[in-house]
N, C-alpha and C. Protein backbone atom coordinates (compact mmCIF):
# COMPACT_ATOMS: atom_id res chain seq x y z
N MET A 1 137.60 80.10 81.16
CA MET A 1 137.15 80.19 82.22
C MET A 1 135.83 79.03 82.99
N ARG A 2 135.67 79.67 84.41
CA ARG A 2 135.33 78.82 84.83
C ARG A 2 134.35 79.36 86.34
N VAL A 3 132.70 78.61 86.55
CA VAL A 3 131.99 79.04 86.97
C VAL A 3 131.60 78.14 87.58
N LEU A 4 131.45 78.13 89.09
CA LEU A 4 131.03 77.19 90.57
C LEU A 4 129.52 78.29 91.06
N GLY A 5 129.24 77.13 90.73
CA GLY A 5 127.74 77.30 91.44
C GLY A 5 127.31 77.06 92.89
N ILE A 6 126.94 78.09 93.90
CA ILE A 6 126.91 76.88 95.47
C ILE A 6 125.29 76.85 95.87
N ASN A 7 124.57 75.61 95.86
CA ASN A 7 123.50 75.82 95.57
C ASN A 7 122.52 75.20 97.14
N GLY A 8 122.73 76.31 97.52
CA GLY A 8 122.04 76.56 99.60
C GLY A 8 121.31 75.50 99.82
N GLY A 9 119.87 75.10 98.75
CA GLY A 9 118.87 73.75 99.01
C GLY A 9 119.47 72.53 100.76
N ALA A 10 118.08 72.64 100.50
CA ALA A 10 118.15 71.05 101.60
C ALA A 10 117.83 70.13 100.48
N ARG A 11 117.36 70.08 99.09
CA ARG A 11 116.75 69.55 98.23
C ARG A 11 118.23 69.21 97.03
N LYS A 12 118.44 68.39 97.39
CA LYS A 12 119.43 68.11 96.20
C LYS A 12 118.46 68.03 94.76
N ASP A 13 119.51 68.92 93.58
CA ASP A 13 118.61 69.01 92.14
C ASP A 13 117.38 69.30 92.82
N GLY A 14 116.54 70.19 93.51
CA GLY A 14 115.40 70.45 93.89
C GLY A 14 115.45 71.82 93.20
N ASN A 15 114.20 72.88 93.15
CA ASN A 15 114.23 73.94 92.33
C ASN A 15 115.25 74.98 91.89
N THR A 16 116.13 75.09 93.19
CA THR A 16 117.44 76.12 93.08
C THR A 16 118.16 75.24 92.38
N ALA A 17 117.98 74.20 92.30
CA ALA A 17 119.29 73.45 91.17
C ALA A 17 118.83 73.66 89.83
N ILE A 18 117.08 73.48 89.55
CA ILE A 18 116.99 73.93 88.30
C ILE A 18 117.10 75.26 88.07
N LEU A 19 116.98 76.05 88.04
CA LEU A 19 117.36 77.40 88.13
C LEU A 19 118.45 77.58 88.05
N MET A 20 119.84 77.22 88.87
CA MET A 20 120.69 77.24 88.45
C MET A 20 121.68 77.12 87.41
N ASN A 21 120.89 75.22 86.78
CA ASN A 21 121.02 74.96 85.41
C ASN A 21 120.42 76.13 84.53
N ALA A 22 119.91 76.62 84.58
CA ALA A 22 119.38 76.81 83.03
C ALA A 22 120.41 78.16 82.96
N VAL A 23 120.23 78.78 83.65
CA VAL A 23 121.97 79.93 84.33
C VAL A 23 123.04 79.67 83.09
N PHE A 24 123.55 78.36 83.98
CA PHE A 24 124.77 77.97 83.16
C PHE A 24 124.55 76.83 81.84
N GLY A 25 122.89 77.10 81.72
CA GLY A 25 123.02 76.22 80.34
C GLY A 25 123.23 77.24 79.41
N GLU A 26 123.13 78.75 79.97
CA GLU A 26 123.77 80.38 78.56
C GLU A 26 125.53 80.65 78.93
N LEU A 27 125.85 79.88 80.36
CA LEU A 27 127.11 80.29 80.39
C LEU A 27 127.77 79.12 79.49
N ASN A 28 127.16 77.91 79.67
CA ASN A 28 128.44 76.97 79.17
C ASN A 28 128.26 76.80 77.03
N THR A 29 127.06 77.83 76.73
CA THR A 29 126.61 78.37 75.49
C THR A 29 127.71 78.82 74.99
N ALA A 30 128.21 79.49 76.32
CA ALA A 30 129.33 81.08 75.66
C ALA A 30 130.54 80.63 76.13
N GLY A 31 130.54 78.88 76.20
CA GLY A 31 131.86 78.71 75.88
C GLY A 31 132.56 78.80 77.48
N ILE A 32 132.00 78.65 78.68
CA ILE A 32 132.40 79.14 80.36
C ILE A 32 131.91 77.30 80.70
N GLU A 33 133.13 76.59 81.52
CA GLU A 33 132.64 75.62 81.71
C GLU A 33 131.85 76.50 83.94
N THR A 34 131.23 75.48 83.55
CA THR A 34 130.50 75.40 85.65
C THR A 34 130.75 74.19 86.46
N GLU A 35 130.06 74.21 86.87
CA GLU A 35 130.16 73.29 88.62
C GLU A 35 129.64 73.41 90.06
N MET A 36 128.42 72.88 89.79
CA MET A 36 127.64 72.97 90.94
C MET A 36 128.26 72.03 92.32
N VAL A 37 127.81 73.09 93.29
CA VAL A 37 128.10 71.78 94.44
C VAL A 37 126.69 72.07 95.19
N GLN A 38 126.26 71.62 96.07
CA GLN A 38 124.91 70.82 96.26
C GLN A 38 125.40 71.10 98.79
N LEU A 39 124.86 71.75 98.95
CA LEU A 39 124.94 72.21 100.49
C LEU A 39 124.31 70.56 100.69
N SER A 40 123.59 70.66 100.20
CA SER A 40 122.21 69.15 100.95
C SER A 40 122.87 67.99 101.48
N GLY A 41 122.12 67.76 102.78
CA GLY A 41 122.63 66.35 102.81
C GLY A 41 123.83 66.13 103.92
N GLY A 42 124.67 67.39 104.08
CA GLY A 42 125.36 68.26 104.52
C GLY A 42 125.09 68.91 105.74
N VAL A 43 126.12 69.81 106.96
CA VAL A 43 126.01 70.66 107.62
C VAL A 43 127.39 71.33 107.26
N ILE A 44 127.25 73.01 107.11
CA ILE A 44 128.36 74.06 107.47
C ILE A 44 127.92 74.43 108.39
N GLU A 45 128.83 74.46 109.42
CA GLU A 45 129.30 74.61 110.98
C GLU A 45 129.20 76.82 111.33
N PRO A 46 128.20 77.50 111.85
CA PRO A 46 128.52 79.03 111.40
C PRO A 46 130.14 78.86 111.91
N CYS A 47 130.88 80.14 111.96
CA CYS A 47 131.64 80.73 111.99
C CYS A 47 132.07 81.30 113.60
N LYS A 48 132.51 80.44 114.22
CA LYS A 48 133.65 80.02 115.56
C LYS A 48 133.92 81.54 116.50
N ALA A 49 134.44 82.51 115.19
CA ALA A 49 135.09 84.29 115.78
C ALA A 49 136.30 83.53 115.93
N CYS A 50 136.96 82.62 115.56
CA CYS A 50 138.78 82.44 116.83
C CYS A 50 139.33 83.37 115.70
N PHE A 51 139.31 83.23 114.51
CA PHE A 51 139.94 84.69 113.67
C PHE A 51 141.32 83.88 113.57
N ALA A 52 141.88 82.21 113.45
CA ALA A 52 143.04 82.13 113.55
C ALA A 52 143.13 82.28 112.19
N CYS A 53 142.10 82.57 111.51
CA CYS A 53 141.96 82.17 109.41
C CYS A 53 143.44 82.87 109.15
N GLY A 54 143.58 84.37 109.72
CA GLY A 54 144.24 85.53 109.29
C GLY A 54 145.46 84.93 108.77
N GLY A 55 145.86 85.61 107.67
CA GLY A 55 147.21 85.27 107.41
C GLY A 55 147.54 83.33 106.24
N LYS A 56 146.49 82.83 106.58
CA LYS A 56 146.21 81.55 106.00
C LYS A 56 145.27 81.03 105.14
N ARG A 57 144.69 82.10 104.45
CA ARG A 57 143.79 81.47 103.20
C ARG A 57 143.00 80.53 103.99
N ASN A 58 142.71 79.85 104.53
CA ASN A 58 141.56 78.68 104.76
C ASN A 58 141.30 79.26 106.21
N CYS A 59 140.32 78.20 106.61
CA CYS A 59 139.29 78.48 107.76
C CYS A 59 140.62 76.79 108.66
N VAL A 60 140.14 76.85 109.53
CA VAL A 60 141.07 76.30 110.46
C VAL A 60 140.72 74.66 111.09
N HIS A 61 139.06 75.40 111.11
CA HIS A 61 138.17 74.23 111.48
C HIS A 61 137.64 73.00 110.04
N LYS A 62 138.08 72.20 110.43
CA LYS A 62 137.62 71.42 109.80
C LYS A 62 136.79 69.88 109.44
N LYS A 63 136.13 70.30 110.10
CA LYS A 63 135.48 69.27 110.22
C LYS A 63 133.82 69.02 108.80
N ASP A 64 133.83 70.29 108.60
CA ASP A 64 132.33 70.24 107.57
C ASP A 64 133.18 70.40 105.42
N GLY A 65 132.75 70.84 105.40
CA GLY A 65 133.15 70.51 103.83
C GLY A 65 133.45 72.02 103.61
N PHE A 66 133.18 73.11 104.26
CA PHE A 66 133.66 74.34 104.10
C PHE A 66 134.93 74.73 102.99
N GLN A 67 136.14 74.06 103.16
CA GLN A 67 137.31 74.67 103.02
C GLN A 67 137.69 73.84 101.70
N GLU A 68 137.19 72.80 101.45
CA GLU A 68 137.12 72.44 100.08
C GLU A 68 136.05 73.13 98.86
N ILE A 69 134.83 73.93 99.14
CA ILE A 69 134.66 74.75 98.60
C ILE A 69 134.88 76.31 98.19
N PHE A 70 135.49 76.10 99.44
CA PHE A 70 136.11 77.38 99.64
C PHE A 70 137.10 77.43 98.66
N GLU A 71 138.08 76.43 98.76
CA GLU A 71 139.07 76.53 97.71
C GLU A 71 138.49 76.32 95.98
N LYS A 72 137.63 76.14 95.65
CA LYS A 72 136.81 76.04 94.63
C LYS A 72 136.60 77.89 94.09
N ILE A 73 135.99 78.55 95.76
CA ILE A 73 135.37 79.20 94.58
C ILE A 73 137.13 80.20 94.48
N LEU A 74 138.23 80.16 95.38
CA LEU A 74 139.44 81.27 94.53
C LEU A 74 139.91 80.85 93.65
N GLN A 75 139.75 79.84 92.84
CA GLN A 75 139.54 79.34 91.71
C GLN A 75 139.23 79.37 90.46
N ALA A 76 137.77 79.65 90.90
CA ALA A 76 136.25 80.25 89.54
C ALA A 76 137.15 81.15 89.91
N ASP A 77 136.63 81.72 88.17
CA ASP A 77 136.63 83.18 87.98
C ASP A 77 134.99 83.61 87.83
N GLY A 78 134.51 83.38 87.39
CA GLY A 78 132.70 82.94 88.74
C GLY A 78 132.62 82.42 89.57
N ILE A 79 130.88 82.58 90.92
CA ILE A 79 130.98 82.28 91.47
C ILE A 79 129.07 82.57 91.17
N LEU A 80 128.33 81.66 90.50
CA LEU A 80 127.00 81.36 91.33
C LEU A 80 126.21 80.99 92.55
N LEU A 81 125.91 81.81 93.51
CA LEU A 81 125.24 81.00 94.52
C LEU A 81 123.80 81.28 94.97
N GLY A 82 123.32 80.05 94.66
CA GLY A 82 121.22 79.48 94.49
C GLY A 82 121.34 79.65 95.94
N SER A 83 119.80 79.63 96.04
CA SER A 83 118.96 79.38 98.03
C SER A 83 117.49 79.54 97.63
N PRO A 84 116.99 79.25 97.99
CA PRO A 84 115.91 78.69 98.19
C PRO A 84 115.33 79.74 99.13
N VAL A 85 113.87 80.51 99.57
CA VAL A 85 113.91 81.28 100.17
C VAL A 85 113.50 80.51 101.97
N TYR A 86 114.13 80.60 102.49
CA TYR A 86 113.53 79.69 104.25
C TYR A 86 113.26 81.21 105.23
N THR A 87 112.38 81.74 106.16
CA THR A 87 111.51 82.68 106.59
C THR A 87 112.40 83.43 106.41
N ALA A 88 111.78 83.68 105.14
CA ALA A 88 112.51 85.35 104.23
C ALA A 88 114.06 85.48 103.81
N ASN A 89 114.63 84.78 104.19
CA ASN A 89 115.78 84.22 103.81
C ASN A 89 116.64 83.22 102.98
N ILE A 90 118.19 83.65 102.99
CA ILE A 90 118.87 82.21 102.51
C ILE A 90 118.21 80.98 103.60
N SER A 91 118.93 79.56 103.43
CA SER A 91 119.04 78.67 104.57
C SER A 91 120.28 79.16 105.57
N ALA A 92 120.00 78.49 105.92
CA ALA A 92 121.50 78.43 107.47
C ALA A 92 122.28 77.90 106.30
N ASN A 93 122.34 77.11 105.58
CA ASN A 93 123.68 76.47 105.40
C ASN A 93 124.23 77.19 104.23
N MET A 94 123.67 77.94 103.58
CA MET A 94 124.42 78.56 102.88
C MET A 94 124.45 79.85 103.72
N GLN A 95 124.21 80.77 104.19
CA GLN A 95 124.04 81.73 106.05
C GLN A 95 125.70 81.46 106.30
N ALA A 96 125.90 80.05 106.56
CA ALA A 96 127.09 79.61 107.18
C ALA A 96 128.12 80.02 106.75
N PHE A 97 127.77 78.68 105.71
CA PHE A 97 128.73 79.40 104.49
C PHE A 97 129.60 80.72 103.91
N LEU A 98 128.66 81.16 103.76
CA LEU A 98 128.72 82.51 103.76
C LEU A 98 129.32 84.06 104.87
N GLU A 99 128.66 83.20 105.97
CA GLU A 99 130.14 84.15 107.10
C GLU A 99 131.60 83.85 107.07
N ARG A 100 131.12 81.78 107.49
CA ARG A 100 132.59 81.29 107.04
C ARG A 100 133.51 82.64 106.32
N ALA A 101 133.16 82.32 104.60
CA ALA A 101 133.70 82.76 103.51
C ALA A 101 133.97 83.79 103.92
N SER A 102 133.31 84.77 104.73
CA SER A 102 133.56 86.56 104.96
C SER A 102 134.37 86.55 105.88
N VAL A 103 134.31 85.82 106.42
CA VAL A 103 135.44 86.20 107.85
C VAL A 103 136.70 85.42 107.14
N VAL A 104 137.66 84.59 106.49
CA VAL A 104 138.26 83.86 106.28
C VAL A 104 138.91 85.66 104.91
N LEU A 105 137.66 85.72 104.20
CA LEU A 105 137.72 86.43 103.33
C LEU A 105 138.19 88.04 103.81
N ASP A 106 137.68 87.67 105.08
CA ASP A 106 138.01 89.53 105.88
C ASP A 106 139.38 89.75 106.89
N MET A 107 140.01 88.48 106.81
CA MET A 107 141.18 88.74 107.47
C MET A 107 142.03 88.12 107.15
N ASN A 108 142.47 88.29 105.35
CA ASN A 108 142.93 88.03 104.79
C ASN A 108 143.49 89.58 103.48
N ARG A 109 142.18 89.96 103.74
CA ARG A 109 142.19 91.42 102.97
C ARG A 109 142.72 91.93 101.69
N LYS A 110 144.51 91.78 102.72
CA LYS A 110 145.49 92.53 101.77
C LYS A 110 145.48 91.94 100.67
N GLU A 111 145.09 90.42 100.41
CA GLU A 111 145.06 89.56 98.99
C GLU A 111 144.24 89.98 97.95
N ASN A 112 143.27 90.85 98.72
CA ASN A 112 141.97 90.68 97.48
C ASN A 112 141.63 89.71 96.95
N LEU A 113 141.37 88.05 98.13
CA LEU A 113 141.59 86.66 97.34
C LEU A 113 139.96 87.02 95.66
N LEU A 114 138.90 87.51 96.34
CA LEU A 114 137.86 87.67 95.02
C LEU A 114 137.33 88.59 94.44
N ARG A 115 138.69 89.86 94.12
CA ARG A 115 138.28 90.91 93.59
C ARG A 115 138.15 90.92 92.15
N HIS A 116 137.50 91.60 91.72
CA HIS A 116 136.86 91.56 89.95
C HIS A 116 136.90 90.58 89.45
N LYS A 117 136.17 89.72 90.60
CA LYS A 117 135.31 87.99 89.62
C LYS A 117 133.91 89.22 89.66
N ALA A 118 133.31 87.37 88.86
CA ALA A 118 131.49 87.77 88.41
C ALA A 118 130.95 86.85 89.78
N GLY A 119 130.13 87.92 90.06
CA GLY A 119 129.33 87.36 90.64
C GLY A 119 127.62 87.36 90.69
N GLY A 120 126.69 86.55 90.97
CA GLY A 120 125.34 86.58 90.36
C GLY A 120 124.23 85.00 91.43
N ALA A 121 123.60 85.19 92.03
CA ALA A 121 122.29 85.02 92.66
C ALA A 121 120.98 84.71 91.87
N VAL A 122 120.59 83.67 92.39
CA VAL A 122 119.58 83.39 92.05
C VAL A 122 118.81 82.05 93.50
N THR A 123 117.68 82.43 93.64
CA THR A 123 116.61 81.53 94.76
C THR A 123 115.18 81.92 93.78
N ALA A 124 114.32 80.30 94.46
CA ALA A 124 113.57 79.83 94.68
C ALA A 124 112.50 80.45 96.04
N ALA A 125 111.07 80.50 95.59
CA ALA A 125 110.39 81.26 96.74
C ALA A 125 109.28 80.94 96.64
N ARG A 126 108.59 80.11 97.64
CA ARG A 126 107.14 79.80 97.92
C ARG A 126 106.02 80.57 96.95
N ARG A 127 106.46 82.06 97.91
CA ARG A 127 105.71 82.96 97.93
C ARG A 127 106.48 84.49 98.00
N GLY A 128 106.93 84.52 98.84
CA GLY A 128 107.33 86.12 99.56
C GLY A 128 109.21 86.09 99.72
N GLY A 129 109.72 87.24 100.22
CA GLY A 129 111.21 87.05 101.10
C GLY A 129 112.82 86.75 99.86
N ALA A 130 111.61 86.88 98.50
CA ALA A 130 112.84 86.46 96.95
C ALA A 130 113.87 87.59 97.31
N LEU A 131 113.02 88.45 98.30
CA LEU A 131 113.97 90.48 97.78
C LEU A 131 115.45 89.36 98.96
N ASN A 132 115.29 89.37 100.06
CA ASN A 132 115.68 89.09 100.79
C ASN A 132 116.99 87.86 100.66
N ALA A 133 116.61 87.07 100.75
CA ALA A 133 117.37 86.13 100.25
C ALA A 133 118.66 86.51 99.02
N LEU A 134 117.88 87.38 97.73
CA LEU A 134 119.10 87.99 96.85
C LEU A 134 119.55 88.80 97.46
N ASP A 135 119.27 89.59 98.04
CA ASP A 135 120.10 90.98 98.69
C ASP A 135 121.01 90.02 100.13
N ALA A 136 120.89 89.26 100.22
CA ALA A 136 122.24 88.82 101.37
C ALA A 136 123.23 87.72 100.23
N MET A 137 122.81 87.43 100.11
CA MET A 137 123.98 86.81 98.34
C MET A 137 124.57 87.65 97.97
N ASN A 138 123.98 88.89 97.00
CA ASN A 138 124.95 89.46 96.55
C ASN A 138 125.95 90.41 97.27
N HIS A 139 125.05 90.67 98.28
CA HIS A 139 125.46 92.03 99.25
C HIS A 139 127.76 91.11 99.33
N PHE A 140 127.19 89.40 99.71
CA PHE A 140 128.38 89.43 100.27
C PHE A 140 129.77 89.11 99.09
N PHE A 141 128.31 89.69 97.73
CA PHE A 141 130.25 89.78 96.71
C PHE A 141 130.37 91.17 96.36
N MET A 142 129.36 91.53 96.64
CA MET A 142 129.82 93.08 96.84
C MET A 142 130.83 93.94 97.88
N LEU A 143 131.08 93.06 99.24
CA LEU A 143 131.94 93.06 100.32
C LEU A 143 132.81 93.12 99.97
N GLN A 144 133.35 92.37 98.65
CA GLN A 144 134.74 91.11 98.42
C GLN A 144 135.12 92.32 97.14
N ASP A 145 134.20 92.90 96.60
CA ASP A 145 135.23 93.72 95.62
C ASP A 145 134.41 93.30 94.23
N MET A 146 133.81 93.27 94.47
CA MET A 146 133.28 91.72 92.99
C MET A 146 132.10 92.22 92.35
N PHE A 147 132.03 92.05 90.51
CA PHE A 147 130.92 92.87 90.35
C PHE A 147 129.81 91.42 89.63
N VAL A 148 128.62 92.29 90.39
CA VAL A 148 127.00 91.21 89.80
C VAL A 148 126.53 91.78 88.76
N ALA A 149 126.54 90.64 87.94
CA ALA A 149 125.97 90.58 87.33
C ALA A 149 124.05 89.86 87.94
N GLY A 150 123.19 91.58 86.75
CA GLY A 150 121.98 91.63 86.88
C GLY A 150 121.10 91.07 85.28
N SER A 151 119.59 90.95 85.40
CA SER A 151 118.37 90.39 84.91
C SER A 151 117.49 90.84 84.69
N SER A 152 116.85 91.34 83.65
CA SER A 152 115.59 91.87 82.91
C SER A 152 114.70 91.77 84.01
N TYR A 153 115.04 91.53 84.85
CA TYR A 153 114.08 91.29 86.41
C TYR A 153 114.97 90.50 87.79
N TRP A 154 114.72 90.30 89.28
CA TRP A 154 115.51 89.89 89.83
C TRP A 154 115.28 88.33 89.57
N PRO A 155 116.35 87.66 89.88
CA PRO A 155 116.54 86.32 89.36
C PRO A 155 116.38 84.98 90.59
N MET A 156 114.89 85.32 90.47
CA MET A 156 113.78 83.93 91.37
C MET A 156 113.08 83.47 90.33
N ALA A 157 112.01 82.52 90.67
CA ALA A 157 110.93 81.71 90.28
C ALA A 157 110.21 81.63 91.58
N TYR A 158 108.99 80.86 91.37
CA TYR A 158 108.26 80.71 92.34
C TYR A 158 108.13 78.95 92.08
N GLY A 159 107.68 78.34 93.07
CA GLY A 159 107.46 77.30 93.28
C GLY A 159 108.29 76.44 94.31
N GLN A 160 107.10 75.67 95.44
CA GLN A 160 107.48 75.05 96.52
C GLN A 160 107.86 73.70 95.97
N MET A 161 107.67 73.00 95.46
CA MET A 161 107.23 71.21 95.09
C MET A 161 107.98 70.92 94.01
N PRO A 162 109.39 70.15 94.09
CA PRO A 162 111.18 69.89 93.49
C PRO A 162 109.69 69.98 92.12
N GLY A 163 110.59 70.70 91.26
CA GLY A 163 109.83 70.61 90.16
C GLY A 163 108.78 71.83 89.25
N ASP A 164 108.15 72.70 90.47
CA ASP A 164 107.60 74.02 90.09
C ASP A 164 107.76 74.77 89.37
N VAL A 165 109.08 75.42 89.49
CA VAL A 165 109.90 76.70 89.40
C VAL A 165 109.87 76.03 87.47
N ARG A 166 109.63 75.07 87.15
CA ARG A 166 109.77 74.80 85.73
C ARG A 166 108.17 75.13 84.98
N GLU A 167 107.28 75.12 85.83
CA GLU A 167 105.54 76.30 85.75
C GLU A 167 105.71 77.73 85.60
N ASP A 168 106.94 78.27 86.17
CA ASP A 168 107.39 79.94 85.72
C ASP A 168 108.34 80.43 84.25
N GLU A 169 107.24 80.72 83.44
CA GLU A 169 108.16 81.00 82.60
C GLU A 169 109.26 82.31 82.23
N GLU A 170 108.22 83.69 83.19
CA GLU A 170 108.99 84.16 83.04
C GLU A 170 110.67 83.89 84.52
N GLY A 171 110.32 83.41 85.10
CA GLY A 171 111.50 83.38 86.30
C GLY A 171 112.16 82.90 85.65
N LEU A 172 112.40 82.28 84.84
CA LEU A 172 113.04 81.11 83.18
C LEU A 172 113.91 82.11 82.87
N LYS A 173 113.20 82.13 82.11
CA LYS A 173 113.00 83.57 80.89
C LYS A 173 114.54 84.29 81.88
N THR A 174 114.48 85.01 82.96
CA THR A 174 115.30 85.50 83.99
C THR A 174 116.13 84.99 83.72
N MET A 175 116.69 83.74 84.53
CA MET A 175 117.76 82.82 85.19
C MET A 175 118.42 83.06 83.50
N LYS A 176 118.20 82.33 81.85
CA LYS A 176 118.92 82.86 81.31
C LYS A 176 119.65 83.77 81.03
N GLY A 177 118.77 85.04 81.18
CA GLY A 177 119.29 86.48 80.45
C GLY A 177 120.30 86.66 81.67
N LEU A 178 120.01 86.58 82.97
CA LEU A 178 120.87 86.76 84.07
C LEU A 178 122.87 85.16 83.48
N GLY A 179 122.18 84.47 82.91
CA GLY A 179 123.09 83.26 82.22
C GLY A 179 123.91 84.66 81.22
N GLN A 180 123.21 84.08 79.80
CA GLN A 180 123.84 85.70 79.27
C GLN A 180 125.05 86.83 80.06
N ASN A 181 124.20 87.87 80.63
CA ASN A 181 124.79 88.08 81.82
C ASN A 181 125.58 88.52 82.13
N MET A 182 125.72 87.23 82.81
CA MET A 182 127.83 86.56 83.60
C MET A 182 127.82 86.07 82.63
N ALA A 183 127.86 86.02 81.24
CA ALA A 183 128.97 85.38 80.21
C ALA A 183 129.79 86.34 79.46
N TYR A 184 128.88 87.74 79.22
CA TYR A 184 129.20 88.82 78.79
C TYR A 184 130.07 89.61 79.51
N LEU A 185 129.67 89.68 81.22
CA LEU A 185 130.85 90.16 81.68
C LEU A 185 132.20 89.68 82.01
N LEU A 186 131.44 88.09 82.47
CA LEU A 186 132.71 87.04 82.41
C LEU A 186 134.16 87.95 81.76
N LYS A 187 133.53 87.60 80.27
CA LYS A 187 134.39 87.72 79.02
C LYS A 187 134.93 89.61 79.02
N ALA A 188 134.28 89.59 79.17
CA ALA A 188 134.50 91.32 79.41
C ALA A 188 136.09 91.85 80.03
N LEU A 189 135.77 90.46 81.64
CA LEU A 189 136.51 90.94 82.09
C LEU A 189 138.79 90.28 82.09
N GLU A 190 137.66 88.90 81.28
CA GLU A 190 138.93 88.61 80.79
C GLU A 190 139.94 89.13 79.40
N LYS A 191 138.33 89.95 78.96
CA LYS A 191 139.30 90.88 78.17
C LYS A 191 140.18 92.45 78.97
N GLU A 192 139.94 92.86 80.05
CA GLU A 192 140.31 93.47 79.94
C GLU A 192 141.70 92.98 81.11
N GLY A 193 141.63 91.60 81.77
CA GLY A 193 142.59 91.55 82.10
C GLY A 193 144.10 90.83 81.44
N ARG A 194 143.27 90.77 80.00
CA ARG A 194 144.48 90.36 79.20
C ARG A 194 145.08 91.88 79.10
N ASN A 195 144.49 93.19 78.45
CA ASN A 195 144.83 93.99 78.62
C ASN A 195 145.56 94.71 78.77
N ARG A 196 145.69 94.66 80.22
CA ARG A 196 146.16 95.28 81.51
C ARG A 196 147.86 94.30 81.48
N ALA A 197 147.74 93.10 81.62
CA ALA A 197 149.05 92.47 81.30
C ALA A 197 149.86 92.19 79.87
């Protein structure tokens, strides 16, 4: 099994990546492979609402890295989304990515491309807006018939400067719980798939 992580933060290997890696550590311990894609250093263009993706399973606009990441999502068993809080919500790159992905998936709805995959989301916040950011990412999962893993608290941690989230012990504990629950969910889904086969 494999989980793809998408880090929407502007800083490569910043606070969001630290939190995602805490989740990955638990997944790896459970024998699940992980990969992180970081959107920093690039720009994901917003959806152009051309709807040319219908029947194609991909976006026809190829000037950014969207399609390569989207293909990885389709191959993954689970998806971990991470974004820092910007203006009480997710980053612009994450918003653009989720909008593009949602339109491609909706235009190919009959194929159920993400149905019954596992999802999880994390956020790093300086102060407020974390729940809005988590909701935005979790809503993406729910709209695609996915299962969302939770933890003992909302998967968020506090920090402003790179590395600050390492001081949030409760936040890191919550990330580990999310990783453990996501691993449990993935294994349960795999077992159910085997039973159906």
